[in-house]
Amino acid sequence: MPDEISRLRQLLARAEGRRKDAITRLLALRTRLLRGSLGERGKRCGNPNCRCARGELHRSHYLSASVDGRTRQVHVPAEQLDRVRRAAEAWHLFQGERSAVRDLADEEDRLLEQLALALLDSWPEESPLPPPGRRGRKPKDPKEGGGGPT
């Protein structure tokens, strides 16, 4: 039992360190964010003497994001392209780190639950109280600790 408690404490400390690192990366972001993805499209203008008639299409860029369940696209002028690209990439980076923080917090919660059960004494000896039922949010993976509240 002491080996299990030590293992759980080590796992919890590692998860806490990874979560703190992810939060530090989030705090280090110094650029503005733009929700969406940057896209590029090519089109022909219709002029038979234009380069696009030979296959060199006119390029334009757009920012695409979901609004009320529908995809919306906004044209990005060439002079704003670098700024929009950096801000959209920062948005995706931020969302990835944010998701990692949530997942690590769930992992810490699961490890804390296991540690509490490993540290739990039963009392009174002749007829001990049962361990507590699971409370709070359901684990993401049912294989990792059962279902919902009991």
N, C-alpha and C. Protein backbone atom coordinates (compact mmCIF):
# COMPACT_ATOMS: atom_id res chain seq x y z
N MET A 1 0.82 -1.21 0.00
CA MET A 1 0.00 0.00 0.00
C MET A 1 0.86 1.27 0.00
N PRO A 2 1.95 1.34 0.80
CA PRO A 2 2.77 2.55 0.74
C PRO A 2 3.38 2.79 -0.64
N ASP A 3 3.71 1.70 -1.37
CA ASP A 3 4.24 1.86 -2.73
C ASP A 3 3.20 2.50 -3.65
N GLU A 4 1.94 2.08 -3.51
CA GLU A 4 0.86 2.64 -4.32
C GLU A 4 0.66 4.12 -4.00
N ILE A 5 0.70 4.48 -2.74
CA ILE A 5 0.54 5.87 -2.32
C ILE A 5 1.68 6.72 -2.88
N SER A 6 2.90 6.21 -2.80
CA SER A 6 4.06 6.92 -3.33
C SER A 6 3.93 7.11 -4.84
N ARG A 7 3.50 6.05 -5.54
CA ARG A 7 3.33 6.12 -6.99
C ARG A 7 2.28 7.16 -7.36
N LEU A 8 1.16 7.19 -6.64
CA LEU A 8 0.10 8.16 -6.92
C LEU A 8 0.58 9.58 -6.67
N ARG A 9 1.35 9.77 -5.61
CA ARG A 9 1.89 11.11 -5.31
C ARG A 9 2.83 11.58 -6.42
N GLN A 10 3.67 10.66 -6.92
CA GLN A 10 4.59 11.01 -8.00
C GLN A 10 3.83 11.36 -9.28
N LEU A 11 2.81 10.56 -9.61
CA LEU A 11 2.01 10.83 -10.80
C LEU A 11 1.29 12.17 -10.68
N LEU A 12 0.79 12.45 -9.50
CA LEU A 12 0.09 13.72 -9.26
C LEU A 12 1.05 14.90 -9.40
N ALA A 13 2.24 14.77 -8.86
CA ALA A 13 3.23 15.85 -8.96
C ALA A 13 3.62 16.09 -10.42
N ARG A 14 3.78 15.01 -11.20
CA ARG A 14 4.12 15.16 -12.62
C ARG A 14 2.99 15.83 -13.39
N ALA A 15 1.76 15.42 -13.12
CA ALA A 15 0.60 16.02 -13.80
C ALA A 15 0.50 17.50 -13.45
N GLU A 16 0.74 17.84 -12.20
CA GLU A 16 0.69 19.24 -11.79
C GLU A 16 1.78 20.05 -12.50
N GLY A 17 2.96 19.47 -12.63
CA GLY A 17 4.05 20.15 -13.34
C GLY A 17 3.72 20.39 -14.81
N ARG A 18 3.12 19.38 -15.47
CA ARG A 18 2.74 19.54 -16.88
C ARG A 18 1.64 20.60 -17.03
N ARG A 19 0.69 20.63 -16.09
CA ARG A 19 -0.37 21.63 -16.15
C ARG A 19 0.20 23.03 -15.95
N LYS A 20 1.11 23.18 -14.99
CA LYS A 20 1.75 24.49 -14.76
C LYS A 20 2.54 24.93 -15.99
N ASP A 21 3.22 23.99 -16.64
CA ASP A 21 3.97 24.32 -17.87
C ASP A 21 3.03 24.81 -18.97
N ALA A 22 1.88 24.14 -19.11
CA ALA A 22 0.92 24.55 -20.14
C ALA A 22 0.37 25.94 -19.83
N ILE A 23 0.08 26.22 -18.57
CA ILE A 23 -0.41 27.54 -18.19
C ILE A 23 0.67 28.59 -18.43
N THR A 24 1.92 28.26 -18.15
CA THR A 24 3.03 29.19 -18.41
C THR A 24 3.12 29.51 -19.90
N ARG A 25 2.93 28.49 -20.75
CA ARG A 25 2.96 28.73 -22.20
C ARG A 25 1.79 29.63 -22.61
N LEU A 26 0.64 29.45 -21.99
CA LEU A 26 -0.51 30.32 -22.29
C LEU A 26 -0.22 31.76 -21.89
N LEU A 27 0.37 31.93 -20.71
CA LEU A 27 0.67 33.28 -20.22
C LEU A 27 1.77 33.96 -21.05
N ALA A 28 2.61 33.16 -21.70
CA ALA A 28 3.70 33.72 -22.50
C ALA A 28 3.22 34.26 -23.84
N LEU A 29 2.02 33.87 -24.27
CA LEU A 29 1.51 34.39 -25.54
C LEU A 29 1.28 35.89 -25.42
N ARG A 30 1.91 36.65 -26.29
CA ARG A 30 1.81 38.11 -26.23
C ARG A 30 1.12 38.69 -27.45
N THR A 31 0.63 37.86 -28.33
CA THR A 31 -0.03 38.36 -29.53
C THR A 31 -1.53 38.31 -29.36
N ARG A 32 -2.23 39.08 -30.14
CA ARG A 32 -3.69 39.05 -30.14
C ARG A 32 -4.13 37.76 -30.83
N LEU A 33 -5.35 37.33 -30.56
CA LEU A 33 -5.88 36.10 -31.13
C LEU A 33 -7.01 36.44 -32.10
N LEU A 34 -7.09 35.66 -33.18
CA LEU A 34 -8.23 35.74 -34.08
C LEU A 34 -8.81 34.34 -34.21
N ARG A 35 -10.07 34.21 -33.85
CA ARG A 35 -10.73 32.91 -33.92
C ARG A 35 -10.98 32.57 -35.39
N GLY A 36 -10.54 31.41 -35.80
CA GLY A 36 -10.77 30.97 -37.16
C GLY A 36 -9.52 30.41 -37.80
N SER A 37 -9.67 30.06 -39.06
CA SER A 37 -8.56 29.51 -39.84
C SER A 37 -8.37 30.34 -41.09
N LEU A 38 -7.13 30.50 -41.45
CA LEU A 38 -6.80 31.26 -42.65
C LEU A 38 -6.82 30.32 -43.85
N GLY A 39 -7.51 30.74 -44.89
CA GLY A 39 -7.59 29.93 -46.10
C GLY A 39 -7.17 30.74 -47.32
N GLU A 40 -6.93 30.02 -48.41
CA GLU A 40 -6.53 30.66 -49.66
C GLU A 40 -7.33 30.03 -50.78
N ARG A 41 -7.71 30.84 -51.75
CA ARG A 41 -8.41 30.31 -52.91
C ARG A 41 -7.88 30.99 -54.16
N GLY A 42 -8.05 30.32 -55.26
CA GLY A 42 -7.66 30.88 -56.55
C GLY A 42 -8.87 30.96 -57.46
N LYS A 43 -8.91 31.97 -58.32
CA LYS A 43 -10.03 32.08 -59.26
C LYS A 43 -9.56 32.70 -60.57
N ARG A 44 -10.38 32.50 -61.58
CA ARG A 44 -10.14 33.09 -62.90
C ARG A 44 -11.01 34.34 -63.02
N CYS A 45 -10.45 35.37 -63.63
CA CYS A 45 -11.21 36.62 -63.78
C CYS A 45 -12.06 36.62 -65.04
N GLY A 46 -11.76 35.77 -66.00
CA GLY A 46 -12.55 35.72 -67.23
C GLY A 46 -11.91 36.41 -68.41
N ASN A 47 -10.89 37.20 -68.19
CA ASN A 47 -10.20 37.88 -69.28
C ASN A 47 -9.34 36.84 -70.03
N PRO A 48 -9.57 36.65 -71.32
CA PRO A 48 -8.83 35.60 -72.05
C PRO A 48 -7.33 35.91 -72.19
N ASN A 49 -6.92 37.16 -72.02
CA ASN A 49 -5.51 37.51 -72.15
C ASN A 49 -4.79 37.52 -70.80
N CYS A 50 -5.50 37.25 -69.72
CA CYS A 50 -4.91 37.29 -68.37
C CYS A 50 -4.11 36.02 -68.10
N ARG A 51 -3.18 36.13 -67.17
CA ARG A 51 -2.37 34.97 -66.77
C ARG A 51 -3.23 33.84 -66.20
N CYS A 52 -4.40 34.20 -65.63
CA CYS A 52 -5.25 33.16 -65.03
C CYS A 52 -5.84 32.25 -66.11
N ALA A 53 -5.93 32.72 -67.34
CA ALA A 53 -6.41 31.88 -68.44
C ALA A 53 -5.39 30.78 -68.75
N ARG A 54 -4.12 31.00 -68.38
CA ARG A 54 -3.05 30.01 -68.59
C ARG A 54 -2.85 29.14 -67.35
N GLY A 55 -3.68 29.30 -66.34
CA GLY A 55 -3.60 28.45 -65.15
C GLY A 55 -3.02 29.12 -63.92
N GLU A 56 -2.46 30.34 -64.07
CA GLU A 56 -1.93 31.08 -62.91
C GLU A 56 -3.07 31.87 -62.27
N LEU A 57 -3.78 31.24 -61.37
CA LEU A 57 -4.99 31.82 -60.80
C LEU A 57 -4.69 33.02 -59.91
N HIS A 58 -5.67 33.92 -59.80
CA HIS A 58 -5.59 35.06 -58.87
C HIS A 58 -5.82 34.51 -57.47
N ARG A 59 -4.93 34.83 -56.55
CA ARG A 59 -5.01 34.31 -55.18
C ARG A 59 -5.66 35.34 -54.27
N SER A 60 -6.51 34.84 -53.39
CA SER A 60 -7.07 35.69 -52.33
C SER A 60 -7.11 34.88 -51.05
N HIS A 61 -7.09 35.57 -49.93
CA HIS A 61 -7.09 34.91 -48.62
C HIS A 61 -8.34 35.29 -47.84
N TYR A 62 -8.74 34.39 -46.94
CA TYR A 62 -9.93 34.63 -46.14
C TYR A 62 -9.76 34.00 -44.76
N LEU A 63 -10.44 34.57 -43.79
CA LEU A 63 -10.51 34.01 -42.44
C LEU A 63 -11.85 33.32 -42.33
N SER A 64 -11.85 32.07 -41.91
CA SER A 64 -13.05 31.26 -41.84
C SER A 64 -13.30 30.85 -40.39
N ALA A 65 -14.55 31.02 -39.92
CA ALA A 65 -14.90 30.63 -38.56
C ALA A 65 -16.38 30.27 -38.52
N SER A 66 -16.75 29.47 -37.56
CA SER A 66 -18.15 29.09 -37.38
C SER A 66 -18.85 30.13 -36.51
N VAL A 67 -20.02 30.58 -36.98
CA VAL A 67 -20.84 31.54 -36.24
C VAL A 67 -22.26 30.98 -36.25
N ASP A 68 -22.80 30.72 -35.06
CA ASP A 68 -24.16 30.17 -34.94
C ASP A 68 -24.35 28.91 -35.78
N GLY A 69 -23.35 28.05 -35.79
CA GLY A 69 -23.44 26.78 -36.50
C GLY A 69 -23.19 26.85 -38.00
N ARG A 70 -22.90 28.02 -38.52
CA ARG A 70 -22.62 28.17 -39.94
C ARG A 70 -21.22 28.73 -40.14
N THR A 71 -20.56 28.27 -41.19
CA THR A 71 -19.22 28.76 -41.48
C THR A 71 -19.30 30.10 -42.18
N ARG A 72 -18.58 31.06 -41.63
CA ARG A 72 -18.50 32.40 -42.21
C ARG A 72 -17.08 32.65 -42.69
N GLN A 73 -16.95 33.35 -43.81
CA GLN A 73 -15.64 33.68 -44.36
C GLN A 73 -15.55 35.18 -44.57
N VAL A 74 -14.39 35.74 -44.22
CA VAL A 74 -14.15 37.17 -44.36
C VAL A 74 -12.86 37.34 -45.16
N HIS A 75 -12.91 38.18 -46.18
CA HIS A 75 -11.73 38.44 -47.01
C HIS A 75 -10.63 39.10 -46.17
N VAL A 76 -9.39 38.68 -46.42
CA VAL A 76 -8.23 39.27 -45.74
C VAL A 76 -7.39 40.00 -46.80
N PRO A 77 -7.30 41.32 -46.70
CA PRO A 77 -6.47 42.07 -47.65
C PRO A 77 -5.00 41.66 -47.53
N ALA A 78 -4.28 41.75 -48.61
CA ALA A 78 -2.87 41.32 -48.65
C ALA A 78 -2.03 42.03 -47.60
N GLU A 79 -2.30 43.32 -47.35
CA GLU A 79 -1.48 44.06 -46.37
C GLU A 79 -1.75 43.61 -44.93
N GLN A 80 -2.84 42.89 -44.69
CA GLN A 80 -3.17 42.40 -43.34
C GLN A 80 -2.85 40.91 -43.17
N LEU A 81 -2.38 40.28 -44.23
CA LEU A 81 -2.21 38.82 -44.25
C LEU A 81 -1.29 38.32 -43.13
N ASP A 82 -0.11 38.92 -42.94
CA ASP A 82 0.82 38.44 -41.91
C ASP A 82 0.22 38.58 -40.51
N ARG A 83 -0.41 39.71 -40.23
CA ARG A 83 -1.02 39.93 -38.92
C ARG A 83 -2.12 38.91 -38.65
N VAL A 84 -2.99 38.68 -39.64
CA VAL A 84 -4.10 37.74 -39.48
C VAL A 84 -3.56 36.31 -39.34
N ARG A 85 -2.53 35.98 -40.11
CA ARG A 85 -1.95 34.63 -40.02
C ARG A 85 -1.39 34.37 -38.62
N ARG A 86 -0.61 35.33 -38.09
CA ARG A 86 -0.04 35.17 -36.73
C ARG A 86 -1.15 35.04 -35.68
N ALA A 87 -2.18 35.87 -35.79
CA ALA A 87 -3.25 35.86 -34.78
C ALA A 87 -4.07 34.58 -34.86
N ALA A 88 -4.32 34.06 -36.06
CA ALA A 88 -5.08 32.81 -36.22
C ALA A 88 -4.25 31.62 -35.72
N GLU A 89 -2.95 31.62 -36.02
CA GLU A 89 -2.08 30.54 -35.51
C GLU A 89 -2.02 30.59 -33.99
N ALA A 90 -1.96 31.80 -33.42
CA ALA A 90 -1.93 31.95 -31.96
C ALA A 90 -3.23 31.43 -31.35
N TRP A 91 -4.35 31.65 -32.04
CA TRP A 91 -5.65 31.14 -31.55
C TRP A 91 -5.61 29.62 -31.44
N HIS A 92 -5.11 28.96 -32.48
CA HIS A 92 -5.06 27.49 -32.46
C HIS A 92 -4.09 26.99 -31.39
N LEU A 93 -2.98 27.66 -31.22
CA LEU A 93 -2.04 27.30 -30.16
C LEU A 93 -2.69 27.46 -28.79
N PHE A 94 -3.36 28.58 -28.58
CA PHE A 94 -4.03 28.86 -27.31
C PHE A 94 -5.07 27.77 -27.02
N GLN A 95 -5.88 27.43 -28.02
CA GLN A 95 -6.92 26.43 -27.81
C GLN A 95 -6.33 25.05 -27.49
N GLY A 96 -5.21 24.71 -28.13
CA GLY A 96 -4.57 23.44 -27.84
C GLY A 96 -4.04 23.38 -26.41
N GLU A 97 -3.39 24.45 -25.97
CA GLU A 97 -2.87 24.50 -24.60
C GLU A 97 -4.02 24.51 -23.59
N ARG A 98 -5.07 25.24 -23.91
CA ARG A 98 -6.24 25.29 -23.02
C ARG A 98 -6.86 23.90 -22.85
N SER A 99 -6.96 23.16 -23.93
CA SER A 99 -7.47 21.80 -23.88
C SER A 99 -6.57 20.91 -23.04
N ALA A 100 -5.26 21.09 -23.19
CA ALA A 100 -4.30 20.30 -22.39
C ALA A 100 -4.46 20.61 -20.91
N VAL A 101 -4.67 21.88 -20.56
CA VAL A 101 -4.86 22.26 -19.16
C VAL A 101 -6.10 21.56 -18.59
N ARG A 102 -7.19 21.56 -19.37
CA ARG A 102 -8.42 20.89 -18.90
C ARG A 102 -8.19 19.39 -18.72
N ASP A 103 -7.54 18.76 -19.69
CA ASP A 103 -7.28 17.32 -19.59
C ASP A 103 -6.40 16.99 -18.39
N LEU A 104 -5.38 17.81 -18.16
CA LEU A 104 -4.50 17.57 -17.01
C LEU A 104 -5.23 17.80 -15.69
N ALA A 105 -6.13 18.77 -15.65
CA ALA A 105 -6.92 18.99 -14.43
C ALA A 105 -7.81 17.78 -14.17
N ASP A 106 -8.39 17.20 -15.23
CA ASP A 106 -9.18 15.97 -15.06
C ASP A 106 -8.32 14.83 -14.56
N GLU A 107 -7.11 14.71 -15.11
CA GLU A 107 -6.19 13.66 -14.67
C GLU A 107 -5.82 13.85 -13.20
N GLU A 108 -5.53 15.10 -12.80
CA GLU A 108 -5.21 15.38 -11.40
C GLU A 108 -6.38 15.01 -10.50
N ASP A 109 -7.59 15.33 -10.91
CA ASP A 109 -8.77 15.00 -10.11
C ASP A 109 -8.90 13.49 -9.94
N ARG A 110 -8.67 12.75 -11.03
CA ARG A 110 -8.74 11.29 -10.96
C ARG A 110 -7.66 10.73 -10.03
N LEU A 111 -6.45 11.28 -10.12
CA LEU A 111 -5.36 10.83 -9.24
C LEU A 111 -5.63 11.20 -7.79
N LEU A 112 -6.19 12.37 -7.55
CA LEU A 112 -6.54 12.76 -6.18
C LEU A 112 -7.58 11.81 -5.59
N GLU A 113 -8.54 11.42 -6.40
CA GLU A 113 -9.56 10.45 -5.96
C GLU A 113 -8.90 9.13 -5.57
N GLN A 114 -7.99 8.65 -6.42
CA GLN A 114 -7.30 7.39 -6.13
C GLN A 114 -6.43 7.51 -4.88
N LEU A 115 -5.75 8.66 -4.73
CA LEU A 115 -4.92 8.87 -3.55
C LEU A 115 -5.77 8.90 -2.28
N ALA A 116 -6.91 9.57 -2.34
CA ALA A 116 -7.79 9.63 -1.17
C ALA A 116 -8.24 8.23 -0.77
N LEU A 117 -8.59 7.40 -1.75
CA LEU A 117 -9.02 6.03 -1.44
C LEU A 117 -7.86 5.19 -0.91
N ALA A 118 -6.65 5.43 -1.42
CA ALA A 118 -5.49 4.67 -0.94
C ALA A 118 -5.13 5.07 0.49
N LEU A 119 -5.37 6.33 0.86
CA LEU A 119 -5.07 6.80 2.21
C LEU A 119 -6.19 6.52 3.20
N LEU A 120 -7.33 6.12 2.71
CA LEU A 120 -8.52 5.97 3.54
C LEU A 120 -8.41 4.80 4.50
N ASP A 121 -8.66 5.07 5.76
CA ASP A 121 -8.75 4.01 6.77
C ASP A 121 -10.20 3.63 6.93
N SER A 122 -10.43 2.39 7.36
CA SER A 122 -11.79 1.97 7.65
C SER A 122 -12.00 1.96 9.16
N TRP A 123 -13.17 2.42 9.56
CA TRP A 123 -13.48 2.49 10.98
C TRP A 123 -14.97 2.50 11.15
N PRO A 124 -15.50 1.94 12.13
CA PRO A 124 -14.90 1.11 13.18
C PRO A 124 -14.49 -0.25 12.63
N GLU A 125 -13.57 -0.88 13.31
CA GLU A 125 -12.99 -2.12 12.80
C GLU A 125 -14.01 -3.24 12.67
N GLU A 126 -14.95 -3.32 13.59
CA GLU A 126 -15.90 -4.44 13.55
C GLU A 126 -16.96 -4.28 12.43
N SER A 127 -17.25 -3.06 12.03
CA SER A 127 -18.23 -2.81 10.98
C SER A 127 -17.90 -1.49 10.30
N PRO A 128 -16.84 -1.47 9.46
CA PRO A 128 -16.38 -0.19 8.91
C PRO A 128 -17.39 0.42 7.93
N LEU A 129 -17.35 1.75 7.89
CA LEU A 129 -18.15 2.46 6.92
C LEU A 129 -17.58 2.19 5.53
N PRO A 130 -18.42 2.10 4.51
CA PRO A 130 -17.90 1.87 3.15
C PRO A 130 -17.20 3.13 2.62
N PRO A 131 -16.33 2.96 1.63
CA PRO A 131 -15.69 4.14 1.03
C PRO A 131 -16.75 5.02 0.37
N PRO A 132 -16.45 6.29 0.21
CA PRO A 132 -17.43 7.20 -0.38
C PRO A 132 -17.68 6.87 -1.84
N GLY A 133 -18.88 7.20 -2.32
CA GLY A 133 -19.20 7.04 -3.72
C GLY A 133 -18.58 8.17 -4.52
N ARG A 134 -18.43 7.96 -5.79
CA ARG A 134 -17.87 8.99 -6.68
C ARG A 134 -18.84 10.15 -6.78
N ARG A 135 -18.31 11.39 -6.60
CA ARG A 135 -19.13 12.59 -6.73
C ARG A 135 -18.51 13.49 -7.80
N GLY A 136 -19.27 14.43 -8.28
CA GLY A 136 -18.75 15.40 -9.23
C GLY A 136 -18.87 14.93 -10.66
N ARG A 137 -17.98 15.46 -11.50
CA ARG A 137 -18.03 15.16 -12.93
C ARG A 137 -17.68 13.71 -13.21
N LYS A 138 -18.27 13.19 -14.26
CA LYS A 138 -17.94 11.84 -14.69
C LYS A 138 -16.56 11.84 -15.34
N PRO A 139 -15.78 10.78 -15.14
CA PRO A 139 -14.49 10.70 -15.84
C PRO A 139 -14.71 10.64 -17.34
N LYS A 140 -13.74 11.14 -18.12
CA LYS A 140 -13.87 11.12 -19.57
C LYS A 140 -13.91 9.70 -20.10
N ASP A 141 -13.06 8.83 -19.57
CA ASP A 141 -12.98 7.45 -20.03
C ASP A 141 -13.58 6.55 -18.97
N PRO A 142 -14.72 5.88 -19.27
CA PRO A 142 -15.36 5.04 -18.25
C PRO A 142 -14.46 3.92 -17.74
N LYS A 143 -13.43 3.53 -18.53
CA LYS A 143 -12.52 2.47 -18.09
C LYS A 143 -11.60 2.95 -16.97
N GLU A 144 -11.52 4.29 -16.77
CA GLU A 144 -10.59 4.84 -15.80
C GLU A 144 -11.20 5.13 -14.44
N GLY A 145 -12.31 4.58 -14.12
CA GLY A 145 -12.79 4.85 -12.77
C GLY A 145 -14.29 4.81 -12.62
N GLY A 146 -14.97 4.12 -13.50
CA GLY A 146 -16.41 3.96 -13.30
C GLY A 146 -17.23 5.04 -13.91
N GLY A 147 -18.49 4.99 -13.63
CA GLY A 147 -19.46 5.91 -14.19
C GLY A 147 -19.60 7.17 -13.40
N GLY A 148 -20.81 7.61 -13.29
CA GLY A 148 -21.10 8.89 -12.65
C GLY A 148 -21.31 8.77 -11.17
N PRO A 149 -22.10 9.67 -10.59
CA PRO A 149 -22.33 9.70 -9.15
C PRO A 149 -22.97 8.42 -8.67
N THR A 150 -22.62 8.03 -7.45
CA THR A 150 -23.24 6.82 -6.86
C THR A 150 -24.00 7.17 -5.63
